[in-house]
């Protein structure tokens, strides 16, 4: 496939992939976002207002949101 290159080990097995991001950048972003969402499924969820309050207390958010 043009724009996709596989890196092979000494046994000729695929161990990595190079993706032409100028060609497939949008698809890669979608894939990466879904991967991150899957990895975070078990994380504790907090309300947006609580997050904003936490960030303000830590001095990481100063503008009104």
PDB file of N, CA and C in Angstrom:
ATOM      1  N   UNK A   1       0.856  -1.167   0.000  1.00  0.00           N
ATOM      2  CA  UNK A   1       0.000   0.000   0.000  1.00  0.00           C
ATOM      3  C   UNK A   1       0.906   1.235   0.000  1.00  0.00           C
ATOM      4  N   UNK A   2       0.665   2.126  -0.896  1.00  0.00           N
ATOM      5  CA  UNK A   2       1.485   3.323  -0.995  1.00  0.00           C
ATOM      6  C   UNK A   2       1.295   4.206   0.238  1.00  0.00           C
ATOM      7  N   UNK A   3       2.403   4.665   0.805  1.00  0.00           N
ATOM      8  CA  UNK A   3       2.346   5.503   1.994  1.00  0.00           C
ATOM      9  C   UNK A   3       2.378   4.732   3.294  1.00  0.00           C
ATOM     10  N   UNK A   4       2.398   3.403   3.206  1.00  0.00           N
ATOM     11  CA  UNK A   4       2.482   2.534   4.384  1.00  0.00           C
ATOM     12  C   UNK A   4       3.702   1.635   4.201  1.00  0.00           C
ATOM     13  N   UNK A   5       4.631   1.679   5.155  1.00  0.00           N
ATOM     14  CA  UNK A   5       5.827   0.838   5.107  1.00  0.00           C
ATOM     15  C   UNK A   5       5.954   0.078   6.413  1.00  0.00           C
ATOM     16  N   UNK A   6       6.252  -1.201   6.305  1.00  0.00           N
ATOM     17  CA  UNK A   6       6.433  -2.037   7.484  1.00  0.00           C
ATOM     18  C   UNK A   6       7.916  -2.188   7.795  1.00  0.00           C
ATOM     19  N   UNK A   7       8.231  -2.166   9.074  1.00  0.00           N
ATOM     20  CA  UNK A   7       9.583  -2.439   9.542  1.00  0.00           C
ATOM     21  C   UNK A   7       9.603  -3.901   9.967  1.00  0.00           C
ATOM     22  N   UNK A   8      10.566  -4.643   9.440  1.00  0.00           N
ATOM     23  CA  UNK A   8      10.644  -6.080   9.696  1.00  0.00           C
ATOM     24  C   UNK A   8      11.843  -6.398  10.587  1.00  0.00           C
ATOM     25  N   UNK A   9      11.692  -7.444  11.395  1.00  0.00           N
ATOM     26  CA  UNK A   9      12.819  -7.891  12.218  1.00  0.00           C
ATOM     27  C   UNK A   9      13.666  -8.883  11.421  1.00  0.00           C
ATOM     28  N   UNK A  10      14.664  -9.462  12.076  1.00  0.00           N
ATOM     29  CA  UNK A  10      15.560 -10.385  11.378  1.00  0.00           C
ATOM     30  C   UNK A  10      14.880 -11.692  10.970  1.00  0.00           C
ATOM     31  N   UNK A  11      13.667 -11.934  11.487  1.00  0.00           N
ATOM     32  CA  UNK A  11      12.890 -13.117  11.090  1.00  0.00           C
ATOM     33  C   UNK A  11      11.860 -12.762  10.020  1.00  0.00           C
ATOM     34  N   UNK A  12      11.964 -11.522   9.522  1.00  0.00           N
ATOM     35  CA  UNK A  12      11.061 -11.004   8.490  1.00  0.00           C
ATOM     36  C   UNK A  12       9.624 -10.842   8.988  1.00  0.00           C
ATOM     37  N   UNK A  13       9.475 -10.630  10.293  1.00  0.00           N
ATOM     38  CA  UNK A  13       8.153 -10.400  10.872  1.00  0.00           C
ATOM     39  C   UNK A  13       7.949  -8.901  11.082  1.00  0.00           C
ATOM     40  N   UNK A  14       6.730  -8.451  10.845  1.00  0.00           N
ATOM     41  CA  UNK A  14       6.411  -7.030  11.012  1.00  0.00           C
ATOM     42  C   UNK A  14       6.481  -6.660  12.492  1.00  0.00           C
ATOM     43  N   UNK A  15       7.243  -5.602  12.788  1.00  0.00           N
ATOM     44  CA  UNK A  15       7.360  -5.150  14.175  1.00  0.00           C
ATOM     45  C   UNK A  15       6.956  -3.688  14.348  1.00  0.00           C
ATOM     46  N   UNK A  16       6.832  -2.966  13.249  1.00  0.00           N
ATOM     47  CA  UNK A  16       6.443  -1.559  13.315  1.00  0.00           C
ATOM     48  C   UNK A  16       5.910  -1.146  11.948  1.00  0.00           C
ATOM     49  N   UNK A  17       5.316   0.030  11.929  1.00  0.00           N
ATOM     50  CA  UNK A  17       4.782   0.545  10.670  1.00  0.00           C
ATOM     51  C   UNK A  17       5.100   2.037  10.572  1.00  0.00           C
ATOM     52  N   UNK A  18       5.420   2.474   9.367  1.00  0.00           N
ATOM     53  CA  UNK A  18       5.596   3.889   9.078  1.00  0.00           C
ATOM     54  C   UNK A  18       4.412   4.323   8.227  1.00  0.00           C
ATOM     55  N   UNK A  19       3.783   5.415   8.635  1.00  0.00           N
ATOM     56  CA  UNK A  19       2.599   5.899   7.934  1.00  0.00           C
ATOM     57  C   UNK A  19       2.876   7.303   7.416  1.00  0.00           C
ATOM     58  N   UNK A  20       2.611   7.526   6.152  1.00  0.00           N
ATOM     59  CA  UNK A  20       2.754   8.852   5.558  1.00  0.00           C
ATOM     60  C   UNK A  20       1.614   9.723   6.079  1.00  0.00           C
ATOM     61  N   UNK A  21       1.936  10.600   7.028  1.00  0.00           N
ATOM     62  CA  UNK A  21       0.894  11.407   7.669  1.00  0.00           C
ATOM     63  C   UNK A  21       0.342  12.492   6.759  1.00  0.00           C
ATOM     64  N   UNK A  22       1.077  12.876   5.719  1.00  0.00           N
ATOM     65  CA  UNK A  22       0.509  13.838   4.773  1.00  0.00           C
ATOM     66  C   UNK A  22      -0.632  13.198   3.996  1.00  0.00           C
ATOM     67  N   UNK A  23      -0.571  11.884   3.854  1.00  0.00           N
ATOM     68  CA  UNK A  23      -1.604  11.156   3.120  1.00  0.00           C
ATOM     69  C   UNK A  23      -2.682  10.598   4.048  1.00  0.00           C
ATOM     70  N   UNK A  24      -2.266  10.053   5.193  1.00  0.00           N
ATOM     71  CA  UNK A  24      -3.187   9.338   6.073  1.00  0.00           C
ATOM     72  C   UNK A  24      -3.313   9.978   7.456  1.00  0.00           C
ATOM     73  N   UNK A  25      -2.943  11.236   7.588  1.00  0.00           N
ATOM     74  CA  UNK A  25      -2.958  11.895   8.892  1.00  0.00           C
ATOM     75  C   UNK A  25      -4.319  11.903   9.565  1.00  0.00           C
ATOM     76  N   UNK A  26      -5.368  12.186   8.818  1.00  0.00           N
ATOM     77  CA  UNK A  26      -6.718  12.230   9.405  1.00  0.00           C
ATOM     78  C   UNK A  26      -7.148  10.856   9.906  1.00  0.00           C
ATOM     79  N   UNK A  27      -6.848   9.826   9.131  1.00  0.00           N
ATOM     80  CA  UNK A  27      -7.202   8.465   9.541  1.00  0.00           C
ATOM     81  C   UNK A  27      -6.409   8.076  10.782  1.00  0.00           C
ATOM     82  N   UNK A  28      -5.109   8.427  10.799  1.00  0.00           N
ATOM     83  CA  UNK A  28      -4.274   8.120  11.960  1.00  0.00           C
ATOM     84  C   UNK A  28      -4.824   8.813  13.200  1.00  0.00           C
ATOM     85  N   UNK A  29      -5.224  10.086  13.090  1.00  0.00           N
ATOM     86  CA  UNK A  29      -5.785  10.816  14.235  1.00  0.00           C
ATOM     87  C   UNK A  29      -7.021  10.117  14.776  1.00  0.00           C
ATOM     88  N   UNK A  30      -7.913   9.697  13.895  1.00  0.00           N
ATOM     89  CA  UNK A  30      -9.122   8.986  14.320  1.00  0.00           C
ATOM     90  C   UNK A  30      -8.764   7.690  15.044  1.00  0.00           C
ATOM     91  N   UNK A  31      -7.828   6.938  14.480  1.00  0.00           N
ATOM     92  CA  UNK A  31      -7.394   5.685  15.097  1.00  0.00           C
ATOM     93  C   UNK A  31      -6.788   5.951  16.471  1.00  0.00           C
ATOM     94  N   UNK A  32      -5.904   6.932  16.553  1.00  0.00           N
ATOM     95  CA  UNK A  32      -5.225   7.251  17.808  1.00  0.00           C
ATOM     96  C   UNK A  32      -6.232   7.710  18.868  1.00  0.00           C
ATOM     97  N   UNK A  33      -7.182   8.563  18.481  1.00  0.00           N
ATOM     98  CA  UNK A  33      -8.203   9.028  19.424  1.00  0.00           C
ATOM     99  C   UNK A  33      -9.024   7.861  19.969  1.00  0.00           C
ATOM    100  N   UNK A  34      -9.404   6.923  19.099  1.00  0.00           N
ATOM    101  CA  UNK A  34     -10.198   5.782  19.569  1.00  0.00           C
ATOM    102  C   UNK A  34      -9.362   4.870  20.461  1.00  0.00           C
ATOM    103  N   UNK A  35      -8.077   4.750  20.181  1.00  0.00           N
ATOM    104  CA  UNK A  35      -7.186   3.950  21.022  1.00  0.00           C
ATOM    105  C   UNK A  35      -7.067   4.564  22.416  1.00  0.00           C
ATOM    106  N   UNK A  36      -6.875   5.867  22.489  1.00  0.00           N
ATOM    107  CA  UNK A  36      -6.774   6.554  23.780  1.00  0.00           C
ATOM    108  C   UNK A  36      -8.087   6.419  24.549  1.00  0.00           C
ATOM    109  N   UNK A  37      -9.215   6.570  23.866  1.00  0.00           N
ATOM    110  CA  UNK A  37     -10.514   6.426  24.527  1.00  0.00           C
ATOM    111  C   UNK A  37     -10.666   5.024  25.107  1.00  0.00           C
ATOM    112  N   UNK A  38     -10.247   4.023  24.367  1.00  0.00           N
ATOM    113  CA  UNK A  38     -10.326   2.636  24.843  1.00  0.00           C
ATOM    114  C   UNK A  38      -9.442   2.432  26.074  1.00  0.00           C
ATOM    115  N   UNK A  39      -8.253   2.991  26.051  1.00  0.00           N
ATOM    116  CA  UNK A  39      -7.331   2.848  27.180  1.00  0.00           C
ATOM    117  C   UNK A  39      -7.848   3.544  28.439  1.00  0.00           C
ATOM    118  N   UNK A  40      -8.659   4.580  28.260  1.00  0.00           N
ATOM    119  CA  UNK A  40      -9.158   5.356  29.399  1.00  0.00           C
ATOM    120  C   UNK A  40     -10.513   4.882  29.907  1.00  0.00           C
ATOM    121  N   UNK A  41     -11.067   3.833  29.334  1.00  0.00           N
ATOM    122  CA  UNK A  41     -12.401   3.364  29.716  1.00  0.00           C
ATOM    123  C   UNK A  41     -12.554   3.137  31.206  1.00  0.00           C
ATOM    124  N   UNK A  42     -11.559   2.574  31.848  1.00  0.00           N
ATOM    125  CA  UNK A  42     -11.664   2.247  33.260  1.00  0.00           C
ATOM    126  C   UNK A  42     -11.309   3.380  34.204  1.00  0.00           C
ATOM    127  N   UNK A  43     -10.909   4.523  33.671  1.00  0.00           N
ATOM    128  CA  UNK A  43     -10.517   5.640  34.524  1.00  0.00           C
ATOM    129  C   UNK A  43     -11.726   6.267  35.208  1.00  0.00           C
ATOM    130  N   UNK A  44     -11.470   6.830  36.374  1.00  0.00           N
ATOM    131  CA  UNK A  44     -12.520   7.522  37.115  1.00  0.00           C
ATOM    132  C   UNK A  44     -12.982   8.746  36.327  1.00  0.00           C
ATOM    133  N   UNK A  45     -14.268   8.966  36.337  1.00  0.00           N
ATOM    134  CA  UNK A  45     -14.836  10.118  35.632  1.00  0.00           C
ATOM    135  C   UNK A  45     -15.221  11.182  36.650  1.00  0.00           C
ATOM    136  N   UNK A  46     -15.012  12.457  36.269  1.00  0.00           N
ATOM    137  CA  UNK A  46     -15.442  13.560  37.131  1.00  0.00           C
ATOM    138  C   UNK A  46     -16.241  14.540  36.288  1.00  0.00           C
ATOM    139  N   UNK A  47     -17.087  15.297  36.957  1.00  0.00           N
ATOM    140  CA  UNK A  47     -17.905  16.293  36.273  1.00  0.00           C
ATOM    141  C   UNK A  47     -17.017  17.439  35.785  1.00  0.00           C
ATOM    142  N   UNK A  48     -17.434  18.077  34.692  1.00  0.00           N
ATOM    143  CA  UNK A  48     -16.680  19.185  34.116  1.00  0.00           C
ATOM    144  C   UNK A  48     -16.467  20.298  35.136  1.00  0.00           C
ATOM    145  N   UNK A  49     -17.507  20.620  35.897  1.00  0.00           N
ATOM    146  CA  UNK A  49     -17.400  21.692  36.888  1.00  0.00           C
ATOM    147  C   UNK A  49     -16.334  21.370  37.934  1.00  0.00           C
ATOM    148  N   UNK A  50     -16.250  20.108  38.338  1.00  0.00           N
ATOM    149  CA  UNK A  50     -15.234  19.692  39.307  1.00  0.00           C
ATOM    150  C   UNK A  50     -13.834  19.830  38.704  1.00  0.00           C
ATOM    151  N   UNK A  51     -13.685  19.440  37.451  1.00  0.00           N
ATOM    152  CA  UNK A  51     -12.403  19.567  36.768  1.00  0.00           C
ATOM    153  C   UNK A  51     -11.975  21.029  36.692  1.00  0.00           C
ATOM    154  N   UNK A  52     -12.899  21.896  36.306  1.00  0.00           N
ATOM    155  CA  UNK A  52     -12.591  23.324  36.209  1.00  0.00           C
ATOM    156  C   UNK A  52     -12.175  23.866  37.568  1.00  0.00           C
ATOM    157  N   UNK A  53     -12.896  23.494  38.619  1.00  0.00           N
ATOM    158  CA  UNK A  53     -12.544  23.925  39.970  1.00  0.00           C
ATOM    159  C   UNK A  53     -11.157  23.454  40.371  1.00  0.00           C
ATOM    160  N   UNK A  54     -10.844  22.199  40.085  1.00  0.00           N
ATOM    161  CA  UNK A  54      -9.518  21.659  40.399  1.00  0.00           C
ATOM    162  C   UNK A  54      -8.418  22.429  39.675  1.00  0.00           C
ATOM    163  N   UNK A  55      -8.628  22.702  38.396  1.00  0.00           N
ATOM    164  CA  UNK A  55      -7.629  23.421  37.616  1.00  0.00           C
ATOM    165  C   UNK A  55      -7.449  24.846  38.122  1.00  0.00           C
ATOM    166  N   UNK A  56      -8.534  25.489  38.512  1.00  0.00           N
ATOM    167  CA  UNK A  56      -8.430  26.854  39.060  1.00  0.00           C
ATOM    168  C   UNK A  56      -7.662  26.851  40.378  1.00  0.00           C
ATOM    169  N   UNK A  57      -7.958  25.909  41.259  1.00  0.00           N
ATOM    170  CA  UNK A  57      -7.254  25.825  42.547  1.00  0.00           C
ATOM    171  C   UNK A  57      -5.760  25.586  42.361  1.00  0.00           C
ATOM    172  N   UNK A  58      -5.414  24.838  41.331  1.00  0.00           N
ATOM    173  CA  UNK A  58      -4.006  24.541  41.058  1.00  0.00           C
ATOM    174  C   UNK A  58      -3.325  25.657  40.269  1.00  0.00           C
ATOM    175  N   UNK A  59      -4.091  26.703  39.916  1.00  0.00           N
ATOM    176  CA  UNK A  59      -3.524  27.815  39.165  1.00  0.00           C
ATOM    177  C   UNK A  59      -3.264  27.505  37.701  1.00  0.00           C
ATOM    178  N   UNK A  60      -3.887  26.460  37.200  1.00  0.00           N
ATOM    179  CA  UNK A  60      -3.672  26.046  35.812  1.00  0.00           C
ATOM    180  C   UNK A  60      -4.732  26.604  34.871  1.00  0.00           C
ATOM    181  N   UNK A  61      -5.749  27.233  35.450  1.00  0.00           N
ATOM    182  CA  UNK A  61      -6.825  27.792  34.642  1.00  0.00           C
ATOM    183  C   UNK A  61      -7.202  29.125  35.247  1.00  0.00           C
ATOM    184  N   UNK A  62      -7.052  30.185  34.482  1.00  0.00           N
ATOM    185  CA  UNK A  62      -7.352  31.512  35.013  1.00  0.00           C
ATOM    186  C   UNK A  62      -8.491  32.194  34.269  1.00  0.00           C
ATOM    187  N   UNK A  63      -8.741  31.807  33.034  1.00  0.00           N
ATOM    188  CA  UNK A  63      -9.813  32.423  32.257  1.00  0.00           C
ATOM    189  C   UNK A  63     -11.148  31.778  32.599  1.00  0.00           C
ATOM    190  N   UNK A  64     -12.213  32.541  32.400  1.00  0.00           N
ATOM    191  CA  UNK A  64     -13.554  31.981  32.595  1.00  0.00           C
ATOM    192  C   UNK A  64     -13.845  30.979  31.488  1.00  0.00           C
ATOM    193  N   UNK A  65     -14.423  29.864  31.886  1.00  0.00           N
ATOM    194  CA  UNK A  65     -14.779  28.813  30.922  1.00  0.00           C
ATOM    195  C   UNK A  65     -16.272  28.668  30.914  1.00  0.00           C
TER     196      UNK A  65
END
